[in-house]
Amino acid sequence: MAVAEVDPLRDEGRDYAARLSAAGVTTELVQVPGAVHGFDLLFPQARISERNLTDQTRALRDALHHP
């Protein structure tokens, strides 16, 4: 799960990730430095957005292929 550093919903995202983890759900939380809410949709070609998409895709692929 990724949260943007400069996002009014950042704390809610952190709390949600903590609750998932406490419930036994394997959870990884990443705070994207300097990112604003919706950065990946507003600026999809930005390096930070492309890196975030790559990281999330890798994490999902790894989770789905984990025995």
PDB file of N, CA and C in Angstrom:
ATOM      1  N   MET A   1       0.848  -1.153   0.000  1.00  0.00           N
ATOM      2  CA  MET A   1       0.000   0.000   0.000  1.00  0.00           C
ATOM      3  C   MET A   1       0.900   1.224   0.000  1.00  0.00           C
ATOM      4  N   ALA A   2       0.591   2.195  -0.830  1.00  0.00           N
ATOM      5  CA  ALA A   2       1.381   3.416  -0.908  1.00  0.00           C
ATOM      6  C   ALA A   2       0.521   4.605  -0.496  1.00  0.00           C
ATOM      7  N   VAL A   3       1.129   5.480   0.278  1.00  0.00           N
ATOM      8  CA  VAL A   3       0.475   6.738   0.634  1.00  0.00           C
ATOM      9  C   VAL A   3       1.391   7.876   0.219  1.00  0.00           C
ATOM     10  N   ALA A   4       0.795   8.943  -0.246  1.00  0.00           N
ATOM     11  CA  ALA A   4       1.567  10.115  -0.636  1.00  0.00           C
ATOM     12  C   ALA A   4       1.928  10.912   0.614  1.00  0.00           C
ATOM     13  N   GLU A   5       3.137  11.434   0.640  1.00  0.00           N
ATOM     14  CA  GLU A   5       3.603  12.182   1.807  1.00  0.00           C
ATOM     15  C   GLU A   5       2.768  13.440   2.054  1.00  0.00           C
ATOM     16  N   VAL A   6       2.392  14.124   0.964  1.00  0.00           N
ATOM     17  CA  VAL A   6       1.642  15.372   1.085  1.00  0.00           C
ATOM     18  C   VAL A   6       0.204  15.094   0.646  1.00  0.00           C
ATOM     19  N   ASP A   7      -0.538  14.445   1.523  1.00  0.00           N
ATOM     20  CA  ASP A   7      -1.891  13.999   1.192  1.00  0.00           C
ATOM     21  C   ASP A   7      -2.773  14.152   2.426  1.00  0.00           C
ATOM     22  N   PRO A   8      -3.909  14.797   2.294  1.00  0.00           N
ATOM     23  CA  PRO A   8      -4.785  14.937   3.465  1.00  0.00           C
ATOM     24  C   PRO A   8      -5.300  13.588   3.971  1.00  0.00           C
ATOM     25  N   LEU A   9      -5.189  12.542   3.166  1.00  0.00           N
ATOM     26  CA  LEU A   9      -5.651  11.213   3.573  1.00  0.00           C
ATOM     27  C   LEU A   9      -4.494  10.299   3.996  1.00  0.00           C
ATOM     28  N   ARG A  10      -3.302  10.852   4.097  1.00  0.00           N
ATOM     29  CA  ARG A  10      -2.119  10.056   4.436  1.00  0.00           C
ATOM     30  C   ARG A  10      -2.290   9.291   5.748  1.00  0.00           C
ATOM     31  N   ASP A  11      -2.734   9.979   6.787  1.00  0.00           N
ATOM     32  CA  ASP A  11      -2.859   9.335   8.099  1.00  0.00           C
ATOM     33  C   ASP A  11      -3.905   8.228   8.089  1.00  0.00           C
ATOM     34  N   GLU A  12      -4.982   8.420   7.341  1.00  0.00           N
ATOM     35  CA  GLU A  12      -5.996   7.378   7.220  1.00  0.00           C
ATOM     36  C   GLU A  12      -5.427   6.156   6.514  1.00  0.00           C
ATOM     37  N   GLY A  13      -4.592   6.380   5.503  1.00  0.00           N
ATOM     38  CA  GLY A  13      -3.942   5.276   4.799  1.00  0.00           C
ATOM     39  C   GLY A  13      -3.004   4.504   5.711  1.00  0.00           C
ATOM     40  N   ARG A  14      -2.248   5.229   6.517  1.00  0.00           N
ATOM     41  CA  ARG A  14      -1.351   4.581   7.478  1.00  0.00           C
ATOM     42  C   ARG A  14      -2.149   3.757   8.483  1.00  0.00           C
ATOM     43  N   ASP A  15      -3.236   4.337   8.976  1.00  0.00           N
ATOM     44  CA  ASP A  15      -4.072   3.648   9.953  1.00  0.00           C
ATOM     45  C   ASP A  15      -4.678   2.383   9.344  1.00  0.00           C
ATOM     46  N   TYR A  16      -5.147   2.486   8.111  1.00  0.00           N
ATOM     47  CA  TYR A  16      -5.736   1.326   7.432  1.00  0.00           C
ATOM     48  C   TYR A  16      -4.700   0.209   7.284  1.00  0.00           C
ATOM     49  N   ALA A  17      -3.491   0.564   6.889  1.00  0.00           N
ATOM     50  CA  ALA A  17      -2.428  -0.432   6.747  1.00  0.00           C
ATOM     51  C   ALA A  17      -2.118  -1.086   8.100  1.00  0.00           C
ATOM     52  N   ALA A  18      -2.101  -0.297   9.158  1.00  0.00           N
ATOM     53  CA  ALA A  18      -1.835  -0.839  10.494  1.00  0.00           C
ATOM     54  C   ALA A  18      -2.944  -1.798  10.919  1.00  0.00           C
ATOM     55  N   ARG A  19      -4.196  -1.452  10.617  1.00  0.00           N
ATOM     56  CA  ARG A  19      -5.318  -2.324  10.976  1.00  0.00           C
ATOM     57  C   ARG A  19      -5.290  -3.620  10.163  1.00  0.00           C
ATOM     58  N   LEU A  20      -4.931  -3.532   8.900  1.00  0.00           N
ATOM     59  CA  LEU A  20      -4.791  -4.748   8.094  1.00  0.00           C
ATOM     60  C   LEU A  20      -3.723  -5.662   8.692  1.00  0.00           C
ATOM     61  N   SER A  21      -2.589  -5.081   9.010  1.00  0.00           N
ATOM     62  CA  SER A  21      -1.496  -5.852   9.582  1.00  0.00           C
ATOM     63  C   SER A  21      -1.903  -6.478  10.915  1.00  0.00           C
ATOM     64  N   ALA A  22      -2.581  -5.705  11.767  1.00  0.00           N
ATOM     65  CA  ALA A  22      -3.031  -6.214  13.064  1.00  0.00           C
ATOM     66  C   ALA A  22      -4.024  -7.365  12.903  1.00  0.00           C
ATOM     67  N   ALA A  23      -4.754  -7.369  11.796  1.00  0.00           N
ATOM     68  CA  ALA A  23      -5.724  -8.427  11.517  1.00  0.00           C
ATOM     69  C   ALA A  23      -5.067  -9.650  10.873  1.00  0.00           C
ATOM     70  N   GLY A  24      -3.754  -9.595  10.703  1.00  0.00           N
ATOM     71  CA  GLY A  24      -3.045 -10.744  10.143  1.00  0.00           C
ATOM     72  C   GLY A  24      -2.860 -10.712   8.647  1.00  0.00           C
ATOM     73  N   VAL A  25      -3.230  -9.621   8.011  1.00  0.00           N
ATOM     74  CA  VAL A  25      -3.066  -9.487   6.563  1.00  0.00           C
ATOM     75  C   VAL A  25      -1.637  -9.023   6.275  1.00  0.00           C
ATOM     76  N   THR A  26      -0.942  -9.742   5.433  1.00  0.00           N
ATOM     77  CA  THR A  26       0.403  -9.324   5.057  1.00  0.00           C
ATOM     78  C   THR A  26       0.299  -7.973   4.369  1.00  0.00           C
ATOM     79  N   THR A  27       0.973  -6.990   4.944  1.00  0.00           N
ATOM     80  CA  THR A  27       0.821  -5.609   4.475  1.00  0.00           C
ATOM     81  C   THR A  27       2.180  -4.926   4.416  1.00  0.00           C
ATOM     82  N   GLU A  28       2.408  -4.214   3.342  1.00  0.00           N
ATOM     83  CA  GLU A  28       3.603  -3.383   3.223  1.00  0.00           C
ATOM     84  C   GLU A  28       3.139  -1.964   2.958  1.00  0.00           C
ATOM     85  N   LEU A  29       3.600  -1.039   3.781  1.00  0.00           N
ATOM     86  CA  LEU A  29       3.225   0.364   3.625  1.00  0.00           C
ATOM     87  C   LEU A  29       4.433   1.150   3.141  1.00  0.00           C
ATOM     88  N   VAL A  30       4.236   1.925   2.085  1.00  0.00           N
ATOM     89  CA  VAL A  30       5.275   2.782   1.541  1.00  0.00           C
ATOM     90  C   VAL A  30       4.744   4.197   1.515  1.00  0.00           C
ATOM     91  N   GLN A  31       5.510   5.128   2.093  1.00  0.00           N
ATOM     92  CA  GLN A  31       5.151   6.541   1.989  1.00  0.00           C
ATOM     93  C   GLN A  31       5.992   7.129   0.866  1.00  0.00           C
ATOM     94  N   VAL A  32       5.343   7.673  -0.141  1.00  0.00           N
ATOM     95  CA  VAL A  32       6.042   8.205  -1.313  1.00  0.00           C
ATOM     96  C   VAL A  32       6.471   9.635  -1.006  1.00  0.00           C
ATOM     97  N   PRO A  33       7.777   9.855  -0.848  1.00  0.00           N
ATOM     98  CA  PRO A  33       8.284  11.178  -0.459  1.00  0.00           C
ATOM     99  C   PRO A  33       7.938  12.262  -1.477  1.00  0.00           C
ATOM    100  N   GLY A  34       7.446  13.381  -0.971  1.00  0.00           N
ATOM    101  CA  GLY A  34       7.165  14.541  -1.811  1.00  0.00           C
ATOM    102  C   GLY A  34       5.942  14.426  -2.691  1.00  0.00           C
ATOM    103  N   ALA A  35       5.267  13.285  -2.666  1.00  0.00           N
ATOM    104  CA  ALA A  35       4.109  13.075  -3.546  1.00  0.00           C
ATOM    105  C   ALA A  35       2.855  13.702  -2.952  1.00  0.00           C
ATOM    106  N   VAL A  36       1.992  14.180  -3.830  1.00  0.00           N
ATOM    107  CA  VAL A  36       0.703  14.754  -3.431  1.00  0.00           C
ATOM    108  C   VAL A  36      -0.403  13.752  -3.738  1.00  0.00           C
ATOM    109  N   HIS A  37      -1.567  13.988  -3.151  1.00  0.00           N
ATOM    110  CA  HIS A  37      -2.716  13.121  -3.388  1.00  0.00           C
ATOM    111  C   HIS A  37      -2.985  12.998  -4.890  1.00  0.00           C
ATOM    112  N   GLY A  38      -3.099  11.767  -5.364  1.00  0.00           N
ATOM    113  CA  GLY A  38      -3.415  11.528  -6.773  1.00  0.00           C
ATOM    114  C   GLY A  38      -2.256  11.737  -7.723  1.00  0.00           C
ATOM    115  N   PHE A  39      -1.023  11.798  -7.200  1.00  0.00           N
ATOM    116  CA  PHE A  39       0.137  12.088  -8.054  1.00  0.00           C
ATOM    117  C   PHE A  39       0.243  11.143  -9.234  1.00  0.00           C
ATOM    118  N   ASP A  40      -0.077   9.863  -9.009  1.00  0.00           N
ATOM    119  CA  ASP A  40       0.079   8.873 -10.071  1.00  0.00           C
ATOM    120  C   ASP A  40      -0.959   9.033 -11.179  1.00  0.00           C
ATOM    121  N   LEU A  41      -2.104   9.602 -10.842  1.00  0.00           N
ATOM    122  CA  LEU A  41      -3.133   9.867 -11.863  1.00  0.00           C
ATOM    123  C   LEU A  41      -2.926  11.219 -12.532  1.00  0.00           C
ATOM    124  N   LEU A  42      -2.480  12.207 -11.736  1.00  0.00           N
ATOM    125  CA  LEU A  42      -2.260  13.542 -12.282  1.00  0.00           C
ATOM    126  C   LEU A  42      -1.041  13.609 -13.196  1.00  0.00           C
ATOM    127  N   PHE A  43      -0.010  12.866 -12.817  1.00  0.00           N
ATOM    128  CA  PHE A  43       1.259  12.908 -13.544  1.00  0.00           C
ATOM    129  C   PHE A  43       1.766  11.487 -13.796  1.00  0.00           C
ATOM    130  N   PRO A  44       1.062  10.707 -14.624  1.00  0.00           N
ATOM    131  CA  PRO A  44       1.438   9.299 -14.803  1.00  0.00           C
ATOM    132  C   PRO A  44       2.809   9.084 -15.445  1.00  0.00           C
ATOM    133  N   GLN A  45       3.309  10.054 -16.207  1.00  0.00           N
ATOM    134  CA  GLN A  45       4.614   9.880 -16.846  1.00  0.00           C
ATOM    135  C   GLN A  45       5.765  10.367 -15.970  1.00  0.00           C
ATOM    136  N   ALA A  46       5.448  10.954 -14.819  1.00  0.00           N
ATOM    137  CA  ALA A  46       6.514  11.423 -13.930  1.00  0.00           C
ATOM    138  C   ALA A  46       7.293  10.224 -13.399  1.00  0.00           C
ATOM    139  N   ARG A  47       8.570  10.427 -13.179  1.00  0.00           N
ATOM    140  CA  ARG A  47       9.429   9.348 -12.696  1.00  0.00           C
ATOM    141  C   ARG A  47       8.890   8.739 -11.400  1.00  0.00           C
ATOM    142  N   ILE A  48       8.411   9.573 -10.498  1.00  0.00           N
ATOM    143  CA  ILE A  48       7.906   9.089  -9.215  1.00  0.00           C
ATOM    144  C   ILE A  48       6.676   8.195  -9.411  1.00  0.00           C
ATOM    145  N   SER A  49       5.832   8.552 -10.369  1.00  0.00           N
ATOM    146  CA  SER A  49       4.633   7.751 -10.654  1.00  0.00           C
ATOM    147  C   SER A  49       5.009   6.429 -11.297  1.00  0.00           C
ATOM    148  N   GLU A  50       5.918   6.471 -12.242  1.00  0.00           N
ATOM    149  CA  GLU A  50       6.351   5.243 -12.909  1.00  0.00           C
ATOM    150  C   GLU A  50       7.027   4.305 -11.916  1.00  0.00           C
ATOM    151  N   ARG A  51       7.836   4.861 -11.023  1.00  0.00           N
ATOM    152  CA  ARG A  51       8.503   4.032 -10.006  1.00  0.00           C
ATOM    153  C   ARG A  51       7.481   3.417  -9.063  1.00  0.00           C
ATOM    154  N   ASN A  52       6.504   4.200  -8.650  1.00  0.00           N
ATOM    155  CA  ASN A  52       5.464   3.690  -7.757  1.00  0.00           C
ATOM    156  C   ASN A  52       4.689   2.556  -8.427  1.00  0.00           C
ATOM    157  N   LEU A  53       4.332   2.718  -9.682  1.00  0.00           N
ATOM    158  CA  LEU A  53       3.604   1.669 -10.398  1.00  0.00           C
ATOM    159  C   LEU A  53       4.462   0.408 -10.511  1.00  0.00           C
ATOM    160  N   THR A  54       5.735   0.572 -10.822  1.00  0.00           N
ATOM    161  CA  THR A  54       6.639  -0.573 -10.910  1.00  0.00           C
ATOM    162  C   THR A  54       6.734  -1.290  -9.567  1.00  0.00           C
ATOM    163  N   ASP A  55       6.895  -0.531  -8.490  1.00  0.00           N
ATOM    164  CA  ASP A  55       7.007  -1.123  -7.154  1.00  0.00           C
ATOM    165  C   ASP A  55       5.723  -1.846  -6.754  1.00  0.00           C
ATOM    166  N   GLN A  56       4.574  -1.240  -7.028  1.00  0.00           N
ATOM    167  CA  GLN A  56       3.305  -1.869  -6.665  1.00  0.00           C
ATOM    168  C   GLN A  56       3.058  -3.126  -7.499  1.00  0.00           C
ATOM    169  N   THR A  57       3.405  -3.066  -8.771  1.00  0.00           N
ATOM    170  CA  THR A  57       3.237  -4.232  -9.638  1.00  0.00           C
ATOM    171  C   THR A  57       4.121  -5.381  -9.155  1.00  0.00           C
ATOM    172  N   ARG A  58       5.360  -5.077  -8.816  1.00  0.00           N
ATOM    173  CA  ARG A  58       6.276  -6.094  -8.311  1.00  0.00           C
ATOM    174  C   ARG A  58       5.757  -6.697  -7.008  1.00  0.00           C
ATOM    175  N   ALA A  59       5.284  -5.866  -6.091  1.00  0.00           N
ATOM    176  CA  ALA A  59       4.771  -6.360  -4.811  1.00  0.00           C
ATOM    177  C   ALA A  59       3.559  -7.265  -5.019  1.00  0.00           C
ATOM    178  N   LEU A  60       2.662  -6.877  -5.900  1.00  0.00           N
ATOM    179  CA  LEU A  60       1.482  -7.694  -6.173  1.00  0.00           C
ATOM    180  C   LEU A  60       1.873  -9.019  -6.829  1.00  0.00           C
ATOM    181  N   ARG A  61       2.779  -8.953  -7.802  1.00  0.00           N
ATOM    182  CA  ARG A  61       3.234 -10.174  -8.453  1.00  0.00           C
ATOM    183  C   ARG A  61       3.889 -11.119  -7.449  1.00  0.00           C
ATOM    184  N   ASP A  62       4.743 -10.575  -6.579  1.00  0.00           N
ATOM    185  CA  ASP A  62       5.405 -11.387  -5.573  1.00  0.00           C
ATOM    186  C   ASP A  62       4.395 -12.002  -4.608  1.00  0.00           C
ATOM    187  N   ALA A  63       3.401 -11.233  -4.208  1.00  0.00           N
ATOM    188  CA  ALA A  63       2.380 -11.731  -3.270  1.00  0.00           C
ATOM    189  C   ALA A  63       1.556 -12.844  -3.912  1.00  0.00           C
ATOM    190  N   LEU A  64       1.231 -12.711  -5.165  1.00  0.00           N
ATOM    191  CA  LEU A  64       0.415 -13.730  -5.849  1.00  0.00           C
ATOM    192  C   LEU A  64       1.193 -14.993  -6.143  1.00  0.00           C
ATOM    193  N   HIS A  65       2.503 -14.894  -6.238  1.00  0.00           N
ATOM    194  CA  HIS A  65       3.332 -16.057  -6.541  1.00  0.00           C
ATOM    195  C   HIS A  65       3.967 -16.657  -5.295  1.00  0.00           C
ATOM    196  N   HIS A  66       3.639 -16.118  -4.143  1.00  0.00           N
ATOM    197  CA  HIS A  66       4.195 -16.636  -2.882  1.00  0.00           C
ATOM    198  C   HIS A  66       3.401 -17.858  -2.450  1.00  0.00           C
ATOM    199  N   PRO A  67       4.092 -18.965  -2.182  1.00  0.00           N
ATOM    200  CA  PRO A  67       3.355 -20.193  -1.795  1.00  0.00           C
ATOM    201  C   PRO A  67       2.633 -20.062  -0.466  1.00  0.00           C
TER     202      PRO A  67
END
